[in-house]
Amino acid sequence: MTETGKKKLKASLWSLLYVAIAVSIVVSSVFIFKNFYFEVVFVNGGSMNPTLCGGDAEGYHDYGINDKSYGAKRGLKRYQVVTTYYPYDEGLSNPSYKIKRVIGLPGDTLKVEHNDLYLYDRNTLSWKGPMEMPFTRNLDGANRNQDTITLKDDEYFLAGDNWVASTDSFDPSVGPIKFSLLVGAVVRIEGRAKVNGKTIYDKIPYSEPMYFLGVDY
């Protein structure tokens, strides 16, 4: 092989090596991202009824994907579903996630009167509402109210869809949830499964998964 041929072969081998390294980095990054930021979670309890099943007569719970990345949490929209801890969970060795829906966003001034949400518009200096809630709530006998409250820049007002029986931001022991307590955004509910402790098994996927995209107001 000529000297020129050797140089070309060497250059080609280095190019292949660079490509292999780049592909390896991309694959590793995707693997790490998916395994570190995305996790399977299940619903336990009835606070998100009727949207989510926290355990039926046969012992099946809704399960789905929880996105714990910073971007997913920072980009939350109204009515998205999240996993979170509560203030009184701090200091516990193994607290459980709570699954709730975002009703109020950082900086909002809001109030709830007889289950209806009102948002204060600083541009018009007037209240907007009652706001449409594009999801089903359990309101059978519910009469939830929240005095006017302005959320801080790192606070969210969360509520379960079961407005008859859910411990959430309406409860003085919980109140608004700080960003630091949010765990992730529930981006998709995939089906039903049985649960043993925190192990999910016997999965039955839904033909059409549920997504929670939120709204822009």
N, C-alpha and C. Protein backbone atom coordinates (compact mmCIF):
# COMPACT_ATOMS: atom_id res chain seq x y z
N MET A 1 0.85 -1.20 0.00
CA MET A 1 0.00 0.00 0.00
C MET A 1 0.89 1.25 0.00
N THR A 2 0.54 2.19 -0.82
CA THR A 2 1.33 3.42 -0.90
C THR A 2 1.15 4.25 0.36
N GLU A 3 2.05 5.21 0.53
CA GLU A 3 1.97 6.08 1.70
C GLU A 3 0.68 6.89 1.70
N THR A 4 0.26 7.31 0.51
CA THR A 4 -1.01 8.05 0.38
C THR A 4 -2.18 7.19 0.77
N GLY A 5 -2.14 5.91 0.33
CA GLY A 5 -3.21 4.99 0.68
C GLY A 5 -3.30 4.75 2.17
N LYS A 6 -2.13 4.64 2.82
CA LYS A 6 -2.11 4.45 4.27
C LYS A 6 -2.73 5.64 4.99
N LYS A 7 -2.41 6.86 4.50
CA LYS A 7 -2.96 8.06 5.14
C LYS A 7 -4.49 8.11 5.00
N LYS A 8 -4.98 7.71 3.79
CA LYS A 8 -6.43 7.72 3.57
C LYS A 8 -7.12 6.69 4.47
N LEU A 9 -6.49 5.49 4.59
CA LEU A 9 -7.07 4.46 5.43
C LEU A 9 -7.10 4.91 6.89
N LYS A 10 -6.00 5.54 7.33
CA LYS A 10 -5.94 6.03 8.70
C LYS A 10 -7.01 7.08 8.96
N ALA A 11 -7.18 7.98 7.97
CA ALA A 11 -8.21 9.03 8.10
C ALA A 11 -9.60 8.42 8.16
N SER A 12 -9.84 7.39 7.36
CA SER A 12 -11.14 6.74 7.33
C SER A 12 -11.43 6.05 8.66
N LEU A 13 -10.39 5.38 9.22
CA LEU A 13 -10.56 4.70 10.49
C LEU A 13 -10.86 5.68 11.61
N TRP A 14 -10.15 6.83 11.59
CA TRP A 14 -10.42 7.86 12.60
C TRP A 14 -11.84 8.40 12.46
N SER A 15 -12.30 8.57 11.22
CA SER A 15 -13.67 9.06 10.98
C SER A 15 -14.70 8.08 11.52
N LEU A 16 -14.44 6.77 11.27
CA LEU A 16 -15.36 5.75 11.78
C LEU A 16 -15.37 5.74 13.30
N LEU A 17 -14.20 5.94 13.89
CA LEU A 17 -14.10 5.97 15.35
C LEU A 17 -14.89 7.14 15.92
N TYR A 18 -14.74 8.32 15.29
CA TYR A 18 -15.48 9.50 15.74
C TYR A 18 -16.99 9.26 15.66
N VAL A 19 -17.45 8.65 14.56
CA VAL A 19 -18.87 8.37 14.39
C VAL A 19 -19.34 7.41 15.47
N ALA A 20 -18.54 6.35 15.71
CA ALA A 20 -18.91 5.36 16.72
C ALA A 20 -19.02 6.00 18.10
N ILE A 21 -18.07 6.88 18.42
CA ILE A 21 -18.10 7.57 19.71
C ILE A 21 -19.33 8.46 19.83
N ALA A 22 -19.63 9.20 18.75
CA ALA A 22 -20.79 10.09 18.75
C ALA A 22 -22.08 9.31 18.94
N VAL A 23 -22.23 8.19 18.21
CA VAL A 23 -23.42 7.36 18.33
C VAL A 23 -23.54 6.80 19.75
N SER A 24 -22.40 6.37 20.29
CA SER A 24 -22.40 5.82 21.65
C SER A 24 -22.85 6.86 22.67
N ILE A 25 -22.37 8.10 22.49
CA ILE A 25 -22.76 9.17 23.41
C ILE A 25 -24.25 9.45 23.32
N VAL A 26 -24.78 9.50 22.10
CA VAL A 26 -26.21 9.77 21.90
C VAL A 26 -27.05 8.66 22.51
N VAL A 27 -26.70 7.42 22.22
CA VAL A 27 -27.46 6.28 22.75
C VAL A 27 -27.41 6.26 24.27
N SER A 28 -26.22 6.48 24.82
CA SER A 28 -26.08 6.49 26.28
C SER A 28 -26.89 7.61 26.90
N SER A 29 -26.87 8.79 26.27
CA SER A 29 -27.61 9.93 26.80
C SER A 29 -29.10 9.66 26.81
N VAL A 30 -29.61 9.08 25.72
CA VAL A 30 -31.03 8.75 25.64
C VAL A 30 -31.39 7.72 26.71
N PHE A 31 -30.53 6.71 26.86
CA PHE A 31 -30.78 5.67 27.86
C PHE A 31 -30.81 6.26 29.26
N ILE A 32 -29.83 7.09 29.56
CA ILE A 32 -29.75 7.70 30.89
C ILE A 32 -30.94 8.62 31.13
N PHE A 33 -31.30 9.42 30.10
CA PHE A 33 -32.42 10.35 30.24
C PHE A 33 -33.71 9.60 30.53
N LYS A 34 -33.97 8.55 29.74
CA LYS A 34 -35.21 7.81 29.90
C LYS A 34 -35.28 7.11 31.25
N ASN A 35 -34.16 6.55 31.68
CA ASN A 35 -34.17 5.78 32.92
C ASN A 35 -34.08 6.65 34.15
N PHE A 36 -33.48 7.82 34.02
CA PHE A 36 -33.34 8.71 35.18
C PHE A 36 -34.55 9.61 35.35
N TYR A 37 -35.08 10.13 34.25
CA TYR A 37 -36.15 11.12 34.34
C TYR A 37 -37.55 10.52 34.20
N PHE A 38 -37.68 9.40 33.51
CA PHE A 38 -38.99 8.81 33.29
C PHE A 38 -39.15 7.58 34.18
N GLU A 39 -40.30 7.49 34.83
CA GLU A 39 -40.57 6.32 35.66
C GLU A 39 -42.04 5.95 35.53
N VAL A 40 -42.34 4.68 35.82
CA VAL A 40 -43.71 4.21 35.83
C VAL A 40 -44.30 4.44 37.22
N VAL A 41 -45.46 5.05 37.27
CA VAL A 41 -46.14 5.29 38.55
C VAL A 41 -47.54 4.72 38.49
N PHE A 42 -48.11 4.45 39.65
CA PHE A 42 -49.48 3.96 39.70
C PHE A 42 -50.30 4.85 40.62
N VAL A 43 -51.61 4.81 40.44
CA VAL A 43 -52.54 5.63 41.22
C VAL A 43 -53.04 4.81 42.40
N ASN A 44 -53.00 5.40 43.58
CA ASN A 44 -53.47 4.71 44.78
C ASN A 44 -54.41 5.64 45.53
N GLY A 45 -55.59 5.16 45.81
CA GLY A 45 -56.58 5.99 46.50
C GLY A 45 -57.56 6.62 45.53
N GLY A 46 -58.55 7.31 46.09
CA GLY A 46 -59.65 7.81 45.27
C GLY A 46 -59.65 9.30 45.03
N SER A 47 -58.55 10.01 45.30
CA SER A 47 -58.57 11.47 45.20
C SER A 47 -58.65 11.98 43.77
N MET A 48 -58.32 11.12 42.79
CA MET A 48 -58.41 11.55 41.39
C MET A 48 -59.61 10.95 40.66
N ASN A 49 -60.54 10.34 41.41
CA ASN A 49 -61.78 9.87 40.79
C ASN A 49 -62.58 11.06 40.28
N PRO A 50 -63.26 10.95 39.16
CA PRO A 50 -63.43 9.76 38.33
C PRO A 50 -62.40 9.62 37.20
N THR A 51 -61.45 10.54 37.12
CA THR A 51 -60.48 10.50 36.01
C THR A 51 -59.58 9.29 36.10
N LEU A 52 -59.03 9.05 37.27
CA LEU A 52 -58.07 7.97 37.46
C LEU A 52 -58.56 7.00 38.52
N CYS A 53 -58.29 5.73 38.29
CA CYS A 53 -58.71 4.68 39.21
C CYS A 53 -57.56 4.33 40.14
N GLY A 54 -57.78 4.50 41.42
CA GLY A 54 -56.76 4.19 42.41
C GLY A 54 -56.90 2.82 43.03
N GLY A 55 -57.62 1.92 42.35
CA GLY A 55 -57.82 0.56 42.85
C GLY A 55 -59.27 0.15 42.72
N ASP A 56 -59.55 -0.80 41.82
CA ASP A 56 -60.93 -1.25 41.64
C ASP A 56 -61.18 -2.52 42.45
N ALA A 57 -62.37 -3.10 42.25
CA ALA A 57 -62.75 -4.28 43.03
C ALA A 57 -61.84 -5.46 42.77
N GLU A 58 -61.20 -5.49 41.60
CA GLU A 58 -60.30 -6.60 41.26
C GLU A 58 -58.86 -6.30 41.63
N GLY A 59 -58.63 -5.12 42.22
CA GLY A 59 -57.28 -4.79 42.64
C GLY A 59 -56.41 -4.15 41.58
N TYR A 60 -57.01 -3.63 40.51
CA TYR A 60 -56.24 -2.98 39.45
C TYR A 60 -56.18 -1.47 39.66
N HIS A 61 -55.00 -0.91 39.42
CA HIS A 61 -54.77 0.53 39.54
C HIS A 61 -54.36 1.09 38.18
N ASP A 62 -54.75 2.33 37.91
CA ASP A 62 -54.21 2.99 36.72
C ASP A 62 -52.71 3.20 36.89
N TYR A 63 -51.97 3.04 35.79
CA TYR A 63 -50.53 3.29 35.83
C TYR A 63 -50.13 4.09 34.60
N GLY A 64 -49.02 4.79 34.70
CA GLY A 64 -48.58 5.60 33.57
C GLY A 64 -47.15 6.08 33.74
N ILE A 65 -46.80 7.10 32.95
CA ILE A 65 -45.43 7.59 32.89
C ILE A 65 -45.32 8.94 33.58
N ASN A 66 -44.35 9.04 34.45
CA ASN A 66 -44.07 10.26 35.21
C ASN A 66 -42.76 10.86 34.70
N ASP A 67 -42.82 12.09 34.18
CA ASP A 67 -41.63 12.78 33.67
C ASP A 67 -41.09 13.69 34.77
N LYS A 68 -39.91 13.32 35.31
CA LYS A 68 -39.35 14.06 36.43
C LYS A 68 -38.32 15.11 36.00
N SER A 69 -38.21 15.37 34.72
CA SER A 69 -37.20 16.32 34.26
C SER A 69 -37.57 17.75 34.67
N TYR A 70 -36.55 18.58 34.82
CA TYR A 70 -36.75 19.98 35.20
C TYR A 70 -37.65 20.69 34.19
N GLY A 71 -37.42 20.43 32.91
CA GLY A 71 -38.20 21.09 31.87
C GLY A 71 -39.67 20.77 31.94
N ALA A 72 -40.00 19.50 32.26
CA ALA A 72 -41.41 19.11 32.36
C ALA A 72 -42.09 19.83 33.50
N LYS A 73 -41.38 19.96 34.62
CA LYS A 73 -41.96 20.64 35.78
C LYS A 73 -42.05 22.15 35.57
N ARG A 74 -41.00 22.73 35.02
CA ARG A 74 -41.00 24.18 34.83
C ARG A 74 -41.99 24.60 33.75
N GLY A 75 -42.31 23.71 32.82
CA GLY A 75 -43.22 24.05 31.73
C GLY A 75 -44.67 23.66 31.98
N LEU A 76 -45.04 23.41 33.22
CA LEU A 76 -46.39 22.96 33.53
C LEU A 76 -47.44 23.99 33.09
N LYS A 77 -48.56 23.46 32.60
CA LYS A 77 -49.70 24.28 32.24
C LYS A 77 -50.86 23.97 33.18
N ARG A 78 -51.82 24.86 33.17
CA ARG A 78 -53.01 24.65 34.01
C ARG A 78 -53.73 23.36 33.60
N TYR A 79 -54.15 22.60 34.58
CA TYR A 79 -54.90 21.36 34.47
C TYR A 79 -54.04 20.15 34.09
N GLN A 80 -52.72 20.32 34.00
CA GLN A 80 -51.89 19.14 33.88
C GLN A 80 -51.92 18.36 35.20
N VAL A 81 -51.59 17.08 35.11
CA VAL A 81 -51.57 16.22 36.29
C VAL A 81 -50.12 16.03 36.71
N VAL A 82 -49.87 16.13 38.01
CA VAL A 82 -48.51 16.07 38.52
C VAL A 82 -48.41 15.08 39.68
N THR A 83 -47.17 14.66 39.94
CA THR A 83 -46.86 13.97 41.18
C THR A 83 -46.13 14.95 42.07
N THR A 84 -46.38 14.86 43.37
CA THR A 84 -45.80 15.83 44.28
C THR A 84 -45.67 15.25 45.68
N TYR A 85 -44.87 15.89 46.47
CA TYR A 85 -44.86 15.67 47.92
C TYR A 85 -45.61 16.83 48.56
N TYR A 86 -46.00 16.65 49.82
CA TYR A 86 -46.64 17.71 50.57
C TYR A 86 -45.66 18.27 51.60
N PRO A 87 -45.90 19.48 52.09
CA PRO A 87 -44.97 20.07 53.05
C PRO A 87 -44.69 19.17 54.25
N TYR A 88 -45.71 18.45 54.72
CA TYR A 88 -45.49 17.61 55.91
C TYR A 88 -44.74 16.31 55.58
N ASP A 89 -44.44 16.07 54.28
CA ASP A 89 -43.64 14.90 53.91
C ASP A 89 -42.14 15.14 54.12
N GLU A 90 -41.76 16.41 54.20
CA GLU A 90 -40.34 16.71 54.35
C GLU A 90 -39.82 16.12 55.66
N GLY A 91 -38.71 15.42 55.54
CA GLY A 91 -38.14 14.78 56.71
C GLY A 91 -38.49 13.32 56.84
N LEU A 92 -39.54 12.87 56.12
CA LEU A 92 -39.90 11.46 56.14
C LEU A 92 -38.92 10.66 55.30
N SER A 93 -38.64 9.42 55.69
CA SER A 93 -37.64 8.62 54.99
C SER A 93 -38.14 8.10 53.65
N ASN A 94 -39.42 7.78 53.54
CA ASN A 94 -39.93 7.21 52.30
C ASN A 94 -41.37 7.66 52.04
N PRO A 95 -41.58 8.95 51.81
CA PRO A 95 -42.95 9.44 51.59
C PRO A 95 -43.50 8.98 50.24
N SER A 96 -44.80 8.90 50.15
CA SER A 96 -45.46 8.50 48.91
C SER A 96 -45.78 9.71 48.05
N TYR A 97 -45.75 9.52 46.73
CA TYR A 97 -46.18 10.57 45.82
C TYR A 97 -47.67 10.83 46.00
N LYS A 98 -48.07 12.08 45.80
CA LYS A 98 -49.47 12.42 45.65
C LYS A 98 -49.69 12.79 44.18
N ILE A 99 -50.80 12.35 43.61
CA ILE A 99 -51.12 12.68 42.22
C ILE A 99 -52.30 13.65 42.21
N LYS A 100 -52.06 14.85 41.69
CA LYS A 100 -53.07 15.91 41.71
C LYS A 100 -53.06 16.67 40.39
N ARG A 101 -54.00 17.58 40.26
CA ARG A 101 -54.10 18.40 39.04
C ARG A 101 -53.77 19.86 39.37
N VAL A 102 -53.06 20.50 38.45
CA VAL A 102 -52.69 21.91 38.63
C VAL A 102 -53.91 22.79 38.35
N ILE A 103 -54.33 23.53 39.35
CA ILE A 103 -55.44 24.47 39.20
C ILE A 103 -54.92 25.90 39.11
N GLY A 104 -53.91 26.22 39.91
CA GLY A 104 -53.33 27.56 39.90
C GLY A 104 -51.85 27.52 39.62
N LEU A 105 -51.36 28.48 38.82
CA LEU A 105 -49.96 28.56 38.41
C LEU A 105 -49.24 29.68 39.17
N PRO A 106 -47.91 29.64 39.20
CA PRO A 106 -47.16 30.68 39.90
C PRO A 106 -47.57 32.09 39.45
N GLY A 107 -47.80 32.96 40.43
CA GLY A 107 -48.19 34.34 40.15
C GLY A 107 -49.68 34.56 40.01
N ASP A 108 -50.46 33.49 39.91
CA ASP A 108 -51.91 33.63 39.79
C ASP A 108 -52.51 34.27 41.03
N THR A 109 -53.52 35.10 40.81
CA THR A 109 -54.44 35.47 41.87
C THR A 109 -55.75 34.78 41.55
N LEU A 110 -56.22 33.94 42.44
CA LEU A 110 -57.40 33.13 42.14
C LEU A 110 -58.30 33.03 43.36
N LYS A 111 -59.51 32.61 43.09
CA LYS A 111 -60.44 32.26 44.16
C LYS A 111 -61.37 31.18 43.63
N VAL A 112 -61.94 30.41 44.53
CA VAL A 112 -62.91 29.38 44.18
C VAL A 112 -64.17 29.63 44.99
N GLU A 113 -65.29 29.76 44.27
CA GLU A 113 -66.57 29.99 44.92
C GLU A 113 -67.55 28.92 44.47
N HIS A 114 -68.02 28.11 45.42
CA HIS A 114 -68.98 27.05 45.14
C HIS A 114 -68.51 26.20 43.96
N ASN A 115 -67.27 25.75 44.02
CA ASN A 115 -66.64 24.84 43.05
C ASN A 115 -66.21 25.52 41.75
N ASP A 116 -66.45 26.81 41.59
CA ASP A 116 -66.07 27.51 40.36
C ASP A 116 -64.77 28.29 40.57
N LEU A 117 -63.89 28.20 39.57
CA LEU A 117 -62.59 28.87 39.62
C LEU A 117 -62.68 30.24 38.94
N TYR A 118 -62.12 31.25 39.62
CA TYR A 118 -62.04 32.60 39.07
C TYR A 118 -60.58 33.04 39.10
N LEU A 119 -60.13 33.66 38.00
CA LEU A 119 -58.77 34.17 37.91
C LEU A 119 -58.79 35.69 37.77
N TYR A 120 -57.90 36.36 38.47
CA TYR A 120 -57.86 37.82 38.41
C TYR A 120 -56.97 38.24 37.25
N ASP A 121 -57.53 39.10 36.39
CA ASP A 121 -56.81 39.62 35.22
C ASP A 121 -56.22 40.98 35.58
N ARG A 122 -54.89 41.06 35.67
CA ARG A 122 -54.24 42.31 36.06
C ARG A 122 -54.31 43.36 34.96
N ASN A 123 -54.55 42.92 33.72
CA ASN A 123 -54.67 43.88 32.62
C ASN A 123 -55.99 44.66 32.68
N THR A 124 -57.05 43.94 32.98
CA THR A 124 -58.36 44.59 33.03
C THR A 124 -58.78 44.92 34.45
N LEU A 125 -57.97 44.48 35.42
CA LEU A 125 -58.28 44.69 36.84
C LEU A 125 -59.66 44.16 37.18
N SER A 126 -59.94 42.96 36.67
CA SER A 126 -61.24 42.35 36.92
C SER A 126 -61.08 40.83 36.98
N TRP A 127 -62.13 40.19 37.49
CA TRP A 127 -62.10 38.73 37.61
C TRP A 127 -62.61 38.08 36.34
N LYS A 128 -61.93 37.01 35.93
CA LYS A 128 -62.39 36.18 34.82
C LYS A 128 -62.95 34.88 35.38
N GLY A 129 -64.09 34.49 34.87
CA GLY A 129 -64.63 33.22 35.33
C GLY A 129 -66.15 33.26 35.42
N PRO A 130 -66.73 32.14 35.78
CA PRO A 130 -66.04 30.90 36.15
C PRO A 130 -65.30 30.29 34.96
N MET A 131 -64.10 29.76 35.23
CA MET A 131 -63.26 29.22 34.18
C MET A 131 -63.71 27.82 33.82
N GLU A 132 -63.63 27.52 32.53
CA GLU A 132 -63.96 26.17 32.08
C GLU A 132 -62.91 25.19 32.59
N MET A 133 -63.36 24.06 33.07
CA MET A 133 -62.46 22.98 33.49
C MET A 133 -62.72 21.78 32.58
N PRO A 134 -61.84 21.56 31.60
CA PRO A 134 -62.08 20.52 30.58
C PRO A 134 -61.74 19.11 31.07
N PHE A 135 -62.26 18.77 32.22
CA PHE A 135 -62.10 17.42 32.75
C PHE A 135 -63.26 17.18 33.70
N THR A 136 -63.50 15.94 34.03
CA THR A 136 -64.63 15.58 34.88
C THR A 136 -64.22 15.57 36.34
N ARG A 137 -65.00 16.25 37.17
CA ARG A 137 -64.77 16.25 38.61
C ARG A 137 -65.90 15.51 39.31
N ASN A 138 -65.61 14.96 40.45
CA ASN A 138 -66.66 14.42 41.30
C ASN A 138 -67.16 15.55 42.18
N LEU A 139 -68.33 16.07 41.83
CA LEU A 139 -68.90 17.21 42.56
C LEU A 139 -70.16 16.81 43.33
N ASP A 140 -70.38 15.53 43.49
CA ASP A 140 -71.59 15.04 44.16
C ASP A 140 -71.59 15.45 45.62
N GLY A 141 -72.22 16.58 45.91
CA GLY A 141 -72.28 17.09 47.27
C GLY A 141 -71.12 17.99 47.64
N ALA A 142 -70.22 18.26 46.69
CA ALA A 142 -69.06 19.12 46.98
C ALA A 142 -69.47 20.59 47.00
N ASN A 143 -68.81 21.34 47.86
CA ASN A 143 -69.00 22.80 47.89
C ASN A 143 -67.68 23.43 48.31
N ARG A 144 -66.72 23.36 47.40
CA ARG A 144 -65.37 23.83 47.72
C ARG A 144 -65.25 25.33 47.47
N ASN A 145 -64.56 25.98 48.40
CA ASN A 145 -64.35 27.42 48.31
C ASN A 145 -62.91 27.73 48.72
N GLN A 146 -62.35 28.75 48.10
CA GLN A 146 -61.01 29.23 48.45
C GLN A 146 -61.03 30.75 48.40
N ASP A 147 -60.73 31.37 49.52
CA ASP A 147 -60.65 32.83 49.53
C ASP A 147 -59.57 33.29 48.55
N THR A 148 -59.65 34.54 48.15
CA THR A 148 -58.67 35.09 47.22
C THR A 148 -57.25 34.85 47.72
N ILE A 149 -56.44 34.29 46.83
CA ILE A 149 -55.06 33.97 47.18
C ILE A 149 -54.17 34.30 45.99
N THR A 150 -53.01 34.87 46.25
CA THR A 150 -52.02 35.13 45.20
C THR A 150 -50.85 34.18 45.41
N LEU A 151 -50.58 33.37 44.40
CA LEU A 151 -49.51 32.40 44.50
C LEU A 151 -48.15 33.06 44.26
N LYS A 152 -47.16 32.64 45.00
CA LYS A 152 -45.81 33.16 44.80
C LYS A 152 -45.22 32.60 43.51
N ASP A 153 -44.06 33.09 43.14
CA ASP A 153 -43.45 32.71 41.87
C ASP A 153 -43.02 31.25 41.82
N ASP A 154 -43.01 30.57 42.97
CA ASP A 154 -42.64 29.15 42.98
C ASP A 154 -43.75 28.28 43.56
N GLU A 155 -45.00 28.76 43.50
CA GLU A 155 -46.11 28.02 44.11
C GLU A 155 -47.17 27.60 43.10
N TYR A 156 -47.79 26.46 43.38
CA TYR A 156 -48.86 25.90 42.55
C TYR A 156 -50.03 25.53 43.46
N PHE A 157 -51.23 25.73 42.93
CA PHE A 157 -52.43 25.33 43.66
C PHE A 157 -52.89 24.02 43.02
N LEU A 158 -52.89 22.94 43.81
CA LEU A 158 -53.19 21.60 43.30
C LEU A 158 -54.48 21.07 43.91
N ALA A 159 -55.21 20.28 43.12
CA ALA A 159 -56.44 19.66 43.62
C ALA A 159 -56.63 18.31 42.95
N GLY A 160 -57.19 17.37 43.70
CA GLY A 160 -57.61 16.11 43.09
C GLY A 160 -58.92 16.30 42.37
N ASP A 161 -59.20 15.47 41.36
CA ASP A 161 -60.45 15.60 40.61
C ASP A 161 -61.66 15.20 41.45
N ASN A 162 -61.43 14.51 42.55
CA ASN A 162 -62.51 14.14 43.46
C ASN A 162 -62.70 15.29 44.45
N TRP A 163 -63.47 16.28 44.05
CA TRP A 163 -63.62 17.48 44.87
C TRP A 163 -64.46 17.21 46.12
N VAL A 164 -65.03 16.02 46.21
CA VAL A 164 -65.75 15.64 47.43
C VAL A 164 -64.78 15.16 48.49
N ALA A 165 -63.73 14.46 48.08
CA ALA A 165 -62.82 13.83 49.05
C ALA A 165 -61.40 13.79 48.50
N SER A 166 -60.67 14.86 48.67
CA SER A 166 -59.26 14.90 48.28
C SER A 166 -58.54 15.86 49.20
N THR A 167 -57.44 15.41 49.77
CA THR A 167 -56.60 16.30 50.57
C THR A 167 -55.61 16.98 49.64
N ASP A 168 -55.72 18.30 49.53
CA ASP A 168 -54.91 19.02 48.54
C ASP A 168 -54.76 20.47 48.98
N SER A 169 -54.53 21.36 48.02
CA SER A 169 -54.25 22.76 48.36
C SER A 169 -55.43 23.47 49.02
N PHE A 170 -56.62 22.94 48.90
CA PHE A 170 -57.76 23.51 49.61
C PHE A 170 -57.62 23.32 51.12
N ASP A 171 -56.85 22.31 51.51
CA ASP A 171 -56.69 21.99 52.92
C ASP A 171 -55.60 22.88 53.52
N PRO A 172 -55.88 23.58 54.62
CA PRO A 172 -54.88 24.46 55.24
C PRO A 172 -53.60 23.74 55.63
N SER A 173 -53.67 22.43 55.89
CA SER A 173 -52.46 21.69 56.26
C SER A 173 -51.55 21.44 55.07
N VAL A 174 -52.07 21.68 53.87
CA VAL A 174 -51.29 21.49 52.64
C VAL A 174 -50.98 22.83 51.99
N GLY A 175 -52.05 23.53 51.59
CA GLY A 175 -51.89 24.84 50.97
C GLY A 175 -51.18 24.77 49.62
N PRO A 176 -50.74 25.89 49.09
CA PRO A 176 -50.01 25.91 47.82
C PRO A 176 -48.74 25.07 47.93
N ILE A 177 -48.38 24.44 46.82
CA ILE A 177 -47.22 23.55 46.77
C ILE A 177 -46.05 24.27 46.10
N LYS A 178 -44.91 24.27 46.75
CA LYS A 178 -43.72 24.89 46.17
C LYS A 178 -43.13 24.03 45.06
N PHE A 179 -42.48 24.68 44.12
CA PHE A 179 -41.85 23.98 43.00
C PHE A 179 -40.90 22.90 43.49
N SER A 180 -40.20 23.16 44.58
CA SER A 180 -39.22 22.20 45.09
C SER A 180 -39.85 20.89 45.54
N LEU A 181 -41.18 20.90 45.79
CA LEU A 181 -41.86 19.68 46.22
C LEU A 181 -42.44 18.89 45.06
N LEU A 182 -42.50 19.49 43.87
CA LEU A 182 -43.01 18.76 42.72
C LEU A 182 -42.04 17.66 42.33
N VAL A 183 -42.60 16.49 42.01
CA VAL A 183 -41.77 15.36 41.57
C VAL A 183 -41.71 15.29 40.06
N GLY A 184 -42.86 15.39 39.40
CA GLY A 184 -42.88 15.30 37.95
C GLY A 184 -44.24 15.56 37.37
N ALA A 185 -44.32 15.48 36.05
CA ALA A 185 -45.58 15.63 35.32
C ALA A 185 -46.01 14.26 34.81
N VAL A 186 -47.26 13.90 35.10
CA VAL A 186 -47.80 12.64 34.59
C VAL A 186 -48.20 12.88 33.14
N VAL A 187 -47.38 12.41 32.22
CA VAL A 187 -47.61 12.73 30.81
C VAL A 187 -48.55 11.75 30.13
N ARG A 188 -48.69 10.54 30.71
CA ARG A 188 -49.53 9.55 30.04
C ARG A 188 -49.97 8.48 31.05
N ILE A 189 -51.25 8.10 30.97
CA ILE A 189 -51.75 6.95 31.71
C ILE A 189 -51.95 5.84 30.69
N GLU A 190 -51.27 4.72 30.90
CA GLU A 190 -51.20 3.69 29.86
C GLU A 190 -52.19 2.55 30.03
N GLY A 191 -52.62 2.29 31.26
CA GLY A 191 -53.53 1.16 31.44
C GLY A 191 -53.76 0.87 32.91
N ARG A 192 -54.15 -0.39 33.18
CA ARG A 192 -54.39 -0.83 34.55
C ARG A 192 -53.38 -1.91 34.90
N ALA A 193 -53.08 -2.03 36.18
CA ALA A 193 -52.14 -3.05 36.63
C ALA A 193 -52.38 -3.34 38.09
N LYS A 194 -51.91 -4.49 38.52
CA LYS A 194 -51.94 -4.82 39.94
C LYS A 194 -50.63 -4.36 40.56
N VAL A 195 -50.66 -4.16 41.85
CA VAL A 195 -49.51 -3.58 42.55
C VAL A 195 -49.22 -4.39 43.81
N ASN A 196 -47.95 -4.66 44.02
CA ASN A 196 -47.50 -5.30 45.26
C ASN A 196 -46.42 -4.42 45.86
N GLY A 197 -46.78 -3.67 46.89
CA GLY A 197 -45.85 -2.67 47.41
C GLY A 197 -45.71 -1.57 46.38
N LYS A 198 -44.53 -1.44 45.81
CA LYS A 198 -44.30 -0.48 44.73
C LYS A 198 -43.99 -1.18 43.42
N THR A 199 -44.19 -2.51 43.38
CA THR A 199 -43.95 -3.29 42.17
C THR A 199 -45.24 -3.40 41.36
N ILE A 200 -45.16 -3.04 40.09
CA ILE A 200 -46.32 -3.07 39.20
C ILE A 200 -46.24 -4.32 38.32
N TYR A 201 -47.34 -5.09 38.27
CA TYR A 201 -47.33 -6.30 37.45
C TYR A 201 -48.72 -6.52 36.86
N ASP A 202 -48.82 -7.54 36.01
CA ASP A 202 -50.09 -7.89 35.36
C ASP A 202 -50.71 -6.67 34.68
N LYS A 203 -49.93 -6.03 33.82
CA LYS A 203 -50.39 -4.81 33.15
C LYS A 203 -51.42 -5.12 32.06
N ILE A 204 -52.46 -4.30 32.01
CA ILE A 204 -53.47 -4.38 30.94
C ILE A 204 -53.52 -3.01 30.27
N PRO A 205 -52.84 -2.83 29.14
CA PRO A 205 -52.79 -1.51 28.49
C PRO A 205 -54.16 -1.08 27.99
N TYR A 206 -54.42 0.23 28.05
CA TYR A 206 -55.62 0.79 27.43
C TYR A 206 -55.42 0.87 25.93
N SER A 207 -56.49 0.71 25.18
CA SER A 207 -56.39 0.84 23.71
C SER A 207 -56.05 2.28 23.33
N GLU A 208 -56.49 3.24 24.15
CA GLU A 208 -56.17 4.65 23.93
C GLU A 208 -55.67 5.24 25.25
N PRO A 209 -54.36 5.45 25.38
CA PRO A 209 -53.82 6.04 26.61
C PRO A 209 -54.40 7.42 26.87
N MET A 210 -54.36 7.84 28.11
CA MET A 210 -54.82 9.18 28.50
C MET A 210 -53.62 10.13 28.57
N TYR A 211 -53.79 11.33 27.98
CA TYR A 211 -52.74 12.35 28.02
C TYR A 211 -53.29 13.58 28.74
N PHE A 212 -52.39 14.32 29.40
CA PHE A 212 -52.79 15.51 30.15
C PHE A 212 -51.93 16.67 29.66
N LEU A 213 -52.47 17.44 28.71
CA LEU A 213 -51.70 18.48 28.04
C LEU A 213 -51.86 19.86 28.66
N GLY A 214 -52.93 20.09 29.37
CA GLY A 214 -53.13 21.39 29.98
C GLY A 214 -53.65 22.45 29.02
N VAL A 215 -53.90 23.65 29.55
CA VAL A 215 -54.39 24.77 28.74
C VAL A 215 -53.50 25.98 28.99
N ASP A 216 -53.68 27.01 28.18
CA ASP A 216 -52.77 28.17 28.22
C ASP A 216 -53.31 29.35 29.04
N TYR A 217 -54.50 29.29 29.61
CA TYR A 217 -54.95 30.44 30.40
C TYR A 217 -54.64 30.24 31.86
